[in-house]
């Protein structure tokens, strides 16, 4: 659809794509159709919400290029953009490509980067858990990450350098 599409045009395009990609309409390639249908639903959720669409429009270039649009020596070892959709994991079962394994590694990597930055003086991070995780483990994980504040400097992503500002 056009980048300036109206909500009505988005709705019409979504219905057409969703109908053609629906897994029930594609029984001979159900797995592929399910993945495509899921992507279409995600795109519709973003484009039909004015705030989500504004955020997407503002970050469109970075998202489509697969990067996070930053450069510098503090850049993360993990590109978080690829984890904003469901295409980064395959199901919720065990295994290296499952939801819990994929996101567990993401959070572990983020924590390790922080610990490296402060030479190991960083509080231990509770594990991400799995489908059978105890509620106490889950609450510890969420408590840790909802209170998280990075110690890394991100001045390299600032649009303007204060040292170059006129007096």
Protein backbone atom coordinates (compact mmCIF):
# COMPACT_ATOMS: atom_id res chain seq x y z
CA UNK A 1 0.00 0.00 0.00
CA UNK A 2 1.01 3.61 -0.38
CA UNK A 3 2.83 5.17 2.59
CA UNK A 4 0.07 7.79 2.83
CA UNK A 5 -2.75 5.24 2.76
CA UNK A 6 -5.89 6.10 4.68
CA UNK A 7 -7.20 3.84 7.46
CA UNK A 8 -9.89 2.61 5.07
CA UNK A 9 -7.29 1.70 2.42
CA UNK A 10 -5.22 -0.12 5.03
CA UNK A 11 -8.26 -2.08 6.23
CA UNK A 12 -9.19 -3.04 2.66
CA UNK A 13 -5.63 -4.15 1.82
CA UNK A 14 -5.37 -6.08 5.09
CA UNK A 15 -8.60 -8.00 4.47
CA UNK A 16 -7.54 -8.89 0.94
CA UNK A 17 -4.08 -10.10 2.02
CA UNK A 18 -5.35 -11.89 5.13
CA UNK A 19 -7.95 -13.76 3.12
CA UNK A 20 -5.47 -14.89 0.46
CA UNK A 21 -2.80 -15.89 3.01
CA UNK A 22 -5.07 -17.55 5.57
CA UNK A 23 -3.79 -21.05 6.46
CA UNK A 24 -7.25 -22.56 5.88
CA UNK A 25 -7.14 -21.28 2.30
CA UNK A 26 -3.68 -22.81 1.80
CA UNK A 27 -3.81 -26.34 3.21
CA UNK A 28 -1.02 -27.53 0.90
CA UNK A 29 1.42 -25.02 2.43
CA UNK A 30 -0.06 -24.46 5.86
CA UNK A 31 3.20 -23.70 7.72
CA UNK A 32 4.29 -21.05 5.23
CA UNK A 33 0.79 -19.56 5.12
CA UNK A 34 0.62 -19.41 8.92
CA UNK A 35 3.89 -17.48 9.08
CA UNK A 36 2.78 -15.09 6.35
CA UNK A 37 -0.65 -14.64 7.95
CA UNK A 38 1.05 -13.80 11.25
CA UNK A 39 3.23 -11.15 9.55
CA UNK A 40 0.21 -9.62 7.85
CA UNK A 41 -1.58 -9.40 11.21
CA UNK A 42 1.46 -7.76 12.82
CA UNK A 43 1.71 -5.22 10.01
CA UNK A 44 -1.99 -4.44 10.30
CA UNK A 45 -1.71 -3.98 14.06
CA UNK A 46 1.03 -1.38 13.53
CA UNK A 47 -0.51 0.42 10.57
CA UNK A 48 -4.02 0.65 12.01
CA UNK A 49 -2.90 2.16 15.32
CA UNK A 50 -2.07 5.87 14.85
CA UNK A 51 0.66 5.91 17.52
CA UNK A 52 2.28 2.68 16.31
CA UNK A 53 2.12 3.90 12.72
CA UNK A 54 3.76 7.22 13.64
CA UNK A 55 6.55 5.36 15.43
CA UNK A 56 6.98 3.02 12.45
CA UNK A 57 7.07 5.94 10.00
CA UNK A 58 9.71 7.66 12.11
CA UNK A 59 11.90 4.52 12.25
CA UNK A 60 10.97 2.98 8.90
CA UNK A 61 14.41 3.23 7.33
CA UNK A 62 16.18 1.58 10.27
CA UNK A 63 13.60 -1.21 10.48
CA UNK A 64 13.66 -2.02 6.78
CA UNK A 65 17.45 -1.96 6.63
CA UNK A 66 17.61 -4.38 9.56
CA UNK A 67 19.72 -2.08 11.67
CA UNK A 68 19.07 0.16 14.59
CA UNK A 69 20.42 3.27 12.89
CA UNK A 70 23.26 3.83 15.32
CA UNK A 71 27.02 3.82 15.09
CA UNK A 72 29.65 4.05 17.76
CA UNK A 73 31.82 2.14 20.15
CA UNK A 74 28.99 1.46 22.60
CA UNK A 75 26.86 -0.25 19.99
CA UNK A 76 25.18 -3.40 21.22
CA UNK A 77 26.28 -6.85 20.10
CA UNK A 78 22.63 -7.73 19.57
CA UNK A 79 20.43 -6.05 16.96
CA UNK A 80 17.14 -5.71 18.82
CA UNK A 81 15.13 -4.82 15.72
CA UNK A 82 14.94 -8.44 14.61
CA UNK A 83 13.26 -9.40 17.91
CA UNK A 84 10.28 -7.05 17.53
CA UNK A 85 8.31 -9.60 15.51
CA UNK A 86 7.39 -13.23 15.72
CA UNK A 87 9.67 -14.27 12.86
CA UNK A 88 12.68 -14.62 15.16
CA UNK A 89 11.44 -17.77 16.92
CA UNK A 90 9.67 -20.96 15.94
CA UNK A 91 7.00 -22.00 18.37
CA UNK A 92 6.98 -22.14 22.14
CA UNK A 93 8.52 -25.57 22.57
CA UNK A 94 12.01 -26.50 23.68
CA UNK A 95 14.97 -26.14 21.37
CA UNK A 96 17.32 -23.40 20.26
CA UNK A 97 14.76 -21.75 17.94
CA UNK A 98 11.90 -21.73 20.46
CA UNK A 99 10.51 -18.54 22.03
CA UNK A 100 12.03 -19.07 25.47
CA UNK A 101 15.47 -19.98 24.17
CA UNK A 102 15.64 -17.09 21.69
CA UNK A 103 14.51 -14.39 24.10
CA UNK A 104 16.45 -15.92 26.97
CA UNK A 105 19.64 -15.44 24.92
CA UNK A 106 18.67 -11.86 24.07
CA UNK A 107 18.23 -10.86 27.71
CA UNK A 108 21.36 -12.76 28.72
CA UNK A 109 23.38 -10.95 26.05
CA UNK A 110 22.04 -7.55 27.11
CA UNK A 111 22.91 -8.29 30.72
CA UNK A 112 26.40 -9.53 29.82
CA UNK A 113 27.07 -6.35 27.82
CA UNK A 114 26.13 -4.25 30.82
CA UNK A 115 28.34 -6.36 33.09
CA UNK A 116 31.25 -6.02 30.64
CA UNK A 117 30.81 -2.25 30.59
CA UNK A 118 31.15 -1.98 34.38
CA UNK A 119 33.82 -4.68 34.57
CA UNK A 120 31.52 -7.27 36.14
CA UNK A 121 30.10 -5.03 38.87
CA UNK A 122 26.51 -5.57 37.82
CA UNK A 123 23.73 -7.35 39.71
CA UNK A 124 22.96 -10.91 38.67
CA UNK A 125 20.13 -11.27 36.19
CA UNK A 126 17.33 -13.75 36.87
CA UNK A 127 16.83 -16.24 34.02
CA UNK A 128 14.14 -15.66 31.39
CA UNK A 129 12.50 -18.95 32.29
CA UNK A 130 10.37 -21.25 30.22
CA UNK A 131 6.81 -22.51 29.83
CA UNK A 132 6.97 -24.30 33.18
CA UNK A 133 8.68 -21.50 35.12
CA UNK A 134 7.53 -20.91 38.67
CA UNK A 135 5.65 -17.63 39.17
CA UNK A 136 8.32 -16.48 41.64
CA UNK A 137 10.99 -16.86 38.93
CA UNK A 138 8.83 -14.95 36.45
CA UNK A 139 8.24 -12.11 38.91
CA UNK A 140 11.98 -11.86 39.69
CA UNK A 141 12.73 -11.60 35.98
CA UNK A 142 10.13 -8.88 35.39
CA UNK A 143 11.14 -7.01 38.52
CA UNK A 144 14.76 -6.93 37.37
CA UNK A 145 14.00 -5.76 33.83
CA UNK A 146 11.27 -3.23 34.69
CA UNK A 147 13.76 -1.50 36.99
CA UNK A 148 16.63 -1.83 34.51
CA UNK A 149 18.62 1.26 33.58
CA UNK A 150 21.62 0.97 31.31
CA UNK A 151 25.01 2.12 32.52
CA UNK A 152 26.32 2.42 28.97
CA UNK A 153 26.65 5.87 27.41
CA UNK A 154 24.59 6.49 24.30
CA UNK A 155 25.82 9.98 23.45
CA UNK A 156 26.99 8.69 20.07
CA UNK A 157 23.36 8.52 18.92
CA UNK A 158 22.58 12.12 19.84
CA UNK A 159 21.63 14.16 16.81
CA UNK A 160 23.54 17.20 18.01
CA UNK A 161 26.89 17.53 19.73
CA UNK A 162 26.58 20.06 22.60
CA UNK A 163 30.26 20.96 22.19
CA UNK A 164 29.51 22.21 18.67
CA UNK A 165 26.62 24.48 19.76
CA UNK A 166 27.07 28.24 19.46
CA UNK A 167 27.54 30.14 22.74
